[in-house]
């Protein structure tokens, strides 16, 4: 009987290890940070200055400094709708992702963020609505923040 509990314990520990380490690493956006310019689209207004932002992807969630400051949005779960890796004509590996965030806040506002990531470049759109009426709309674009010790040629 003691052997069964020992095997069960080892099985549970092994399962937790595989789940925590191996499966989490399958997220290709994990620990990537993008420096972006976020532009609020307002009807009838031109010459709106974009706001600097950072989008950080980590453990299946994304965080935006501006959305946190303006709307108190914390870490939000995202879904990768498209994950494509291909080799271009110059024999360089390219990665392309389409990511979607669906989030409902405590005020029953729905935020939908659509991101397109092409290697180190990100573009996207954010729509915030309440009862299917558009309240705010943003567009953004930017590039991946270089990690310390890496050059842009790597």
C-alpha atoms as a PDB file:
ATOM      1  CA  UNK A   1       0.000   0.000   0.000  1.00  0.00           C
ATOM      2  CA  UNK A   2       2.900   2.305   0.785  1.00  0.00           C
ATOM      3  CA  UNK A   3       4.324   1.718  -2.719  1.00  0.00           C
ATOM      4  CA  UNK A   4       1.055   2.794  -4.326  1.00  0.00           C
ATOM      5  CA  UNK A   5       1.108   6.103  -2.437  1.00  0.00           C
ATOM      6  CA  UNK A   6       4.755   6.601  -3.347  1.00  0.00           C
ATOM      7  CA  UNK A   7       4.036   5.980  -7.036  1.00  0.00           C
ATOM      8  CA  UNK A   8       0.993   8.245  -6.903  1.00  0.00           C
ATOM      9  CA  UNK A   9       3.049  11.005  -5.259  1.00  0.00           C
ATOM     10  CA  UNK A  10       5.825  10.680  -7.868  1.00  0.00           C
ATOM     11  CA  UNK A  11       3.216  10.760 -10.644  1.00  0.00           C
ATOM     12  CA  UNK A  12       1.641  13.935  -9.288  1.00  0.00           C
ATOM     13  CA  UNK A  13       5.023  15.648  -8.890  1.00  0.00           C
ATOM     14  CA  UNK A  14       6.039  14.638 -12.425  1.00  0.00           C
ATOM     15  CA  UNK A  15       2.727  15.905 -13.837  1.00  0.00           C
ATOM     16  CA  UNK A  16       3.095  19.253 -12.053  1.00  0.00           C
ATOM     17  CA  UNK A  17       6.683  19.620 -13.259  1.00  0.00           C
ATOM     18  CA  UNK A  18       5.743  18.899 -16.877  1.00  0.00           C
ATOM     19  CA  UNK A  19       2.785  21.259 -16.672  1.00  0.00           C
ATOM     20  CA  UNK A  20       4.773  24.087 -15.053  1.00  0.00           C
ATOM     21  CA  UNK A  21       7.973  23.907 -17.077  1.00  0.00           C
ATOM     22  CA  UNK A  22       7.446  22.267 -20.428  1.00  0.00           C
ATOM     23  CA  UNK A  23       3.910  23.360 -21.334  1.00  0.00           C
ATOM     24  CA  UNK A  24       4.423  27.013 -20.316  1.00  0.00           C
ATOM     25  CA  UNK A  25       7.444  27.266 -22.583  1.00  0.00           C
ATOM     26  CA  UNK A  26       5.265  26.435 -25.608  1.00  0.00           C
ATOM     27  CA  UNK A  27       3.916  29.997 -25.565  1.00  0.00           C
ATOM     28  CA  UNK A  28       6.084  31.707 -28.208  1.00  0.00           C
ATOM     29  CA  UNK A  29       5.226  35.174 -26.871  1.00  0.00           C
ATOM     30  CA  UNK A  30       6.199  34.430 -23.280  1.00  0.00           C
ATOM     31  CA  UNK A  31       8.509  37.108 -21.832  1.00  0.00           C
ATOM     32  CA  UNK A  32       8.380  39.312 -24.948  1.00  0.00           C
ATOM     33  CA  UNK A  33       7.979  43.081 -24.486  1.00  0.00           C
ATOM     34  CA  UNK A  34       7.008  45.529 -27.225  1.00  0.00           C
ATOM     35  CA  UNK A  35       7.480  49.297 -27.097  1.00  0.00           C
ATOM     36  CA  UNK A  36       4.466  50.818 -28.814  1.00  0.00           C
ATOM     37  CA  UNK A  37       2.826  54.106 -29.691  1.00  0.00           C
ATOM     38  CA  UNK A  38      -0.847  54.060 -28.743  1.00  0.00           C
ATOM     39  CA  UNK A  39      -3.156  56.459 -30.550  1.00  0.00           C
ATOM     40  CA  UNK A  40      -6.716  57.086 -29.385  1.00  0.00           C
ATOM     41  CA  UNK A  41      -9.019  57.552 -32.351  1.00  0.00           C
ATOM     42  CA  UNK A  42     -11.542  60.316 -31.683  1.00  0.00           C
ATOM     43  CA  UNK A  43     -14.117  61.324 -34.244  1.00  0.00           C
ATOM     44  CA  UNK A  44     -13.494  64.758 -35.698  1.00  0.00           C
ATOM     45  CA  UNK A  45     -10.092  65.187 -34.046  1.00  0.00           C
ATOM     46  CA  UNK A  46      -6.836  65.304 -35.939  1.00  0.00           C
ATOM     47  CA  UNK A  47      -3.303  65.925 -34.750  1.00  0.00           C
ATOM     48  CA  UNK A  48      -3.678  63.642 -31.727  1.00  0.00           C
ATOM     49  CA  UNK A  49      -0.338  62.837 -30.140  1.00  0.00           C
ATOM     50  CA  UNK A  50       0.328  59.102 -29.659  1.00  0.00           C
ATOM     51  CA  UNK A  51       1.128  57.860 -26.180  1.00  0.00           C
ATOM     52  CA  UNK A  52       4.191  55.684 -25.478  1.00  0.00           C
ATOM     53  CA  UNK A  53       3.256  52.269 -24.111  1.00  0.00           C
ATOM     54  CA  UNK A  54       4.712  48.848 -23.433  1.00  0.00           C
ATOM     55  CA  UNK A  55       2.917  45.584 -24.113  1.00  0.00           C
ATOM     56  CA  UNK A  56       4.354  42.730 -22.082  1.00  0.00           C
ATOM     57  CA  UNK A  57       3.433  39.111 -22.763  1.00  0.00           C
ATOM     58  CA  UNK A  58       3.957  36.629 -19.951  1.00  0.00           C
ATOM     59  CA  UNK A  59       2.481  33.233 -19.038  1.00  0.00           C
ATOM     60  CA  UNK A  60      -0.489  33.542 -21.405  1.00  0.00           C
ATOM     61  CA  UNK A  61      -1.342  37.087 -20.281  1.00  0.00           C
ATOM     62  CA  UNK A  62      -0.608  40.571 -21.602  1.00  0.00           C
ATOM     63  CA  UNK A  63      -0.130  43.851 -19.736  1.00  0.00           C
ATOM     64  CA  UNK A  64      -0.342  47.415 -21.066  1.00  0.00           C
ATOM     65  CA  UNK A  65       0.970  50.312 -18.991  1.00  0.00           C
ATOM     66  CA  UNK A  66      -1.447  52.794 -20.601  1.00  0.00           C
ATOM     67  CA  UNK A  67      -4.509  50.559 -20.197  1.00  0.00           C
ATOM     68  CA  UNK A  68      -3.517  50.005 -16.579  1.00  0.00           C
ATOM     69  CA  UNK A  69      -3.121  53.754 -15.927  1.00  0.00           C
ATOM     70  CA  UNK A  70      -6.262  54.851 -17.827  1.00  0.00           C
ATOM     71  CA  UNK A  71      -8.659  51.979 -17.115  1.00  0.00           C
ATOM     72  CA  UNK A  72      -7.046  49.935 -14.311  1.00  0.00           C
ATOM     73  CA  UNK A  73      -6.726  46.891 -16.592  1.00  0.00           C
ATOM     74  CA  UNK A  74      -4.232  44.436 -15.138  1.00  0.00           C
ATOM     75  CA  UNK A  75      -2.874  41.239 -16.697  1.00  0.00           C
ATOM     76  CA  UNK A  76      -5.343  39.971 -19.329  1.00  0.00           C
ATOM     77  CA  UNK A  77      -5.439  36.509 -20.915  1.00  0.00           C
ATOM     78  CA  UNK A  78      -4.786  36.290 -24.622  1.00  0.00           C
ATOM     79  CA  UNK A  79      -5.360  33.720 -27.324  1.00  0.00           C
ATOM     80  CA  UNK A  80      -2.997  33.078 -30.211  1.00  0.00           C
ATOM     81  CA  UNK A  81      -5.306  32.684 -33.221  1.00  0.00           C
ATOM     82  CA  UNK A  82      -2.525  32.288 -35.781  1.00  0.00           C
ATOM     83  CA  UNK A  83       1.027  31.035 -35.268  1.00  0.00           C
ATOM     84  CA  UNK A  84       3.104  30.792 -38.397  1.00  0.00           C
ATOM     85  CA  UNK A  85       6.823  30.248 -38.821  1.00  0.00           C
ATOM     86  CA  UNK A  86       8.290  30.309 -42.303  1.00  0.00           C
ATOM     87  CA  UNK A  87      11.605  30.693 -44.135  1.00  0.00           C
ATOM     88  CA  UNK A  88      11.827  33.670 -46.489  1.00  0.00           C
ATOM     89  CA  UNK A  89      13.758  33.934 -49.763  1.00  0.00           C
ATOM     90  CA  UNK A  90      16.889  35.013 -47.845  1.00  0.00           C
ATOM     91  CA  UNK A  91      16.782  31.771 -45.787  1.00  0.00           C
ATOM     92  CA  UNK A  92      15.761  33.731 -42.666  1.00  0.00           C
ATOM     93  CA  UNK A  93      13.229  32.279 -40.235  1.00  0.00           C
ATOM     94  CA  UNK A  94      10.192  34.535 -39.766  1.00  0.00           C
ATOM     95  CA  UNK A  95       7.487  34.342 -37.122  1.00  0.00           C
ATOM     96  CA  UNK A  96       3.978  35.731 -37.507  1.00  0.00           C
ATOM     97  CA  UNK A  97       1.260  35.728 -34.835  1.00  0.00           C
ATOM     98  CA  UNK A  98      -2.279  36.989 -34.587  1.00  0.00           C
ATOM     99  CA  UNK A  99      -3.328  37.486 -30.974  1.00  0.00           C
ATOM    100  CA  UNK A 100      -6.679  38.397 -29.440  1.00  0.00           C
ATOM    101  CA  UNK A 101      -7.565  39.622 -25.960  1.00  0.00           C
ATOM    102  CA  UNK A 102     -11.184  39.603 -24.789  1.00  0.00           C
ATOM    103  CA  UNK A 103     -11.653  41.266 -21.414  1.00  0.00           C
ATOM    104  CA  UNK A 104     -14.697  42.452 -19.446  1.00  0.00           C
ATOM    105  CA  UNK A 105     -14.026  44.908 -16.616  1.00  0.00           C
ATOM    106  CA  UNK A 106     -15.972  45.539 -13.399  1.00  0.00           C
ATOM    107  CA  UNK A 107     -18.032  48.260 -15.164  1.00  0.00           C
ATOM    108  CA  UNK A 108     -19.249  45.666 -17.688  1.00  0.00           C
ATOM    109  CA  UNK A 109     -17.186  47.256 -20.464  1.00  0.00           C
ATOM    110  CA  UNK A 110     -15.816  44.848 -23.058  1.00  0.00           C
ATOM    111  CA  UNK A 111     -12.296  45.362 -24.365  1.00  0.00           C
ATOM    112  CA  UNK A 112     -11.134  43.546 -27.490  1.00  0.00           C
ATOM    113  CA  UNK A 113      -7.501  43.845 -28.540  1.00  0.00           C
ATOM    114  CA  UNK A 114      -6.274  42.414 -31.831  1.00  0.00           C
ATOM    115  CA  UNK A 115      -2.492  42.239 -32.348  1.00  0.00           C
ATOM    116  CA  UNK A 116      -0.484  41.207 -35.373  1.00  0.00           C
ATOM    117  CA  UNK A 117       3.132  40.383 -34.627  1.00  0.00           C
ATOM    118  CA  UNK A 118       5.510  40.005 -37.551  1.00  0.00           C
ATOM    119  CA  UNK A 119       8.931  39.079 -36.158  1.00  0.00           C
ATOM    120  CA  UNK A 120       9.858  42.107 -33.983  1.00  0.00           C
ATOM    121  CA  UNK A 121       7.053  44.396 -35.231  1.00  0.00           C
ATOM    122  CA  UNK A 122       3.613  44.693 -33.656  1.00  0.00           C
ATOM    123  CA  UNK A 123       0.462  46.445 -34.884  1.00  0.00           C
ATOM    124  CA  UNK A 124      -3.021  46.346 -33.526  1.00  0.00           C
ATOM    125  CA  UNK A 125      -6.292  47.821 -32.495  1.00  0.00           C
ATOM    126  CA  UNK A 126      -8.197  48.114 -29.215  1.00  0.00           C
ATOM    127  CA  UNK A 127     -11.950  48.626 -28.988  1.00  0.00           C
ATOM    128  CA  UNK A 128     -13.752  49.281 -25.721  1.00  0.00           C
ATOM    129  CA  UNK A 129     -17.521  49.040 -25.747  1.00  0.00           C
ATOM    130  CA  UNK A 130     -20.434  48.857 -23.358  1.00  0.00           C
ATOM    131  CA  UNK A 131     -23.682  47.156 -24.338  1.00  0.00           C
ATOM    132  CA  UNK A 132     -22.291  46.870 -27.891  1.00  0.00           C
ATOM    133  CA  UNK A 133     -21.809  50.660 -28.159  1.00  0.00           C
ATOM    134  CA  UNK A 134     -18.229  51.707 -28.981  1.00  0.00           C
ATOM    135  CA  UNK A 135     -16.787  53.901 -26.197  1.00  0.00           C
ATOM    136  CA  UNK A 136     -13.097  54.138 -27.111  1.00  0.00           C
ATOM    137  CA  UNK A 137     -10.910  53.008 -29.976  1.00  0.00           C
ATOM    138  CA  UNK A 138      -7.120  52.872 -30.144  1.00  0.00           C
ATOM    139  CA  UNK A 139      -4.574  51.793 -32.713  1.00  0.00           C
ATOM    140  CA  UNK A 140      -0.969  50.974 -31.951  1.00  0.00           C
ATOM    141  CA  UNK A 141       2.282  49.912 -33.528  1.00  0.00           C
ATOM    142  CA  UNK A 142       5.795  49.347 -32.329  1.00  0.00           C
ATOM    143  CA  UNK A 143       8.783  47.068 -32.087  1.00  0.00           C
ATOM    144  CA  UNK A 144      10.096  44.502 -29.686  1.00  0.00           C
ATOM    145  CA  UNK A 145      12.203  45.863 -26.868  1.00  0.00           C
ATOM    146  CA  UNK A 146      15.766  44.602 -27.150  1.00  0.00           C
ATOM    147  CA  UNK A 147      16.855  42.428 -24.283  1.00  0.00           C
ATOM    148  CA  UNK A 148      20.013  43.493 -22.504  1.00  0.00           C
ATOM    149  CA  UNK A 149      23.081  41.997 -24.116  1.00  0.00           C
ATOM    150  CA  UNK A 150      21.454  41.410 -27.515  1.00  0.00           C
ATOM    151  CA  UNK A 151      21.972  43.417 -30.664  1.00  0.00           C
ATOM    152  CA  UNK A 152      19.369  44.018 -33.348  1.00  0.00           C
ATOM    153  CA  UNK A 153      21.310  41.808 -35.776  1.00  0.00           C
ATOM    154  CA  UNK A 154      20.767  38.650 -33.670  1.00  0.00           C
END
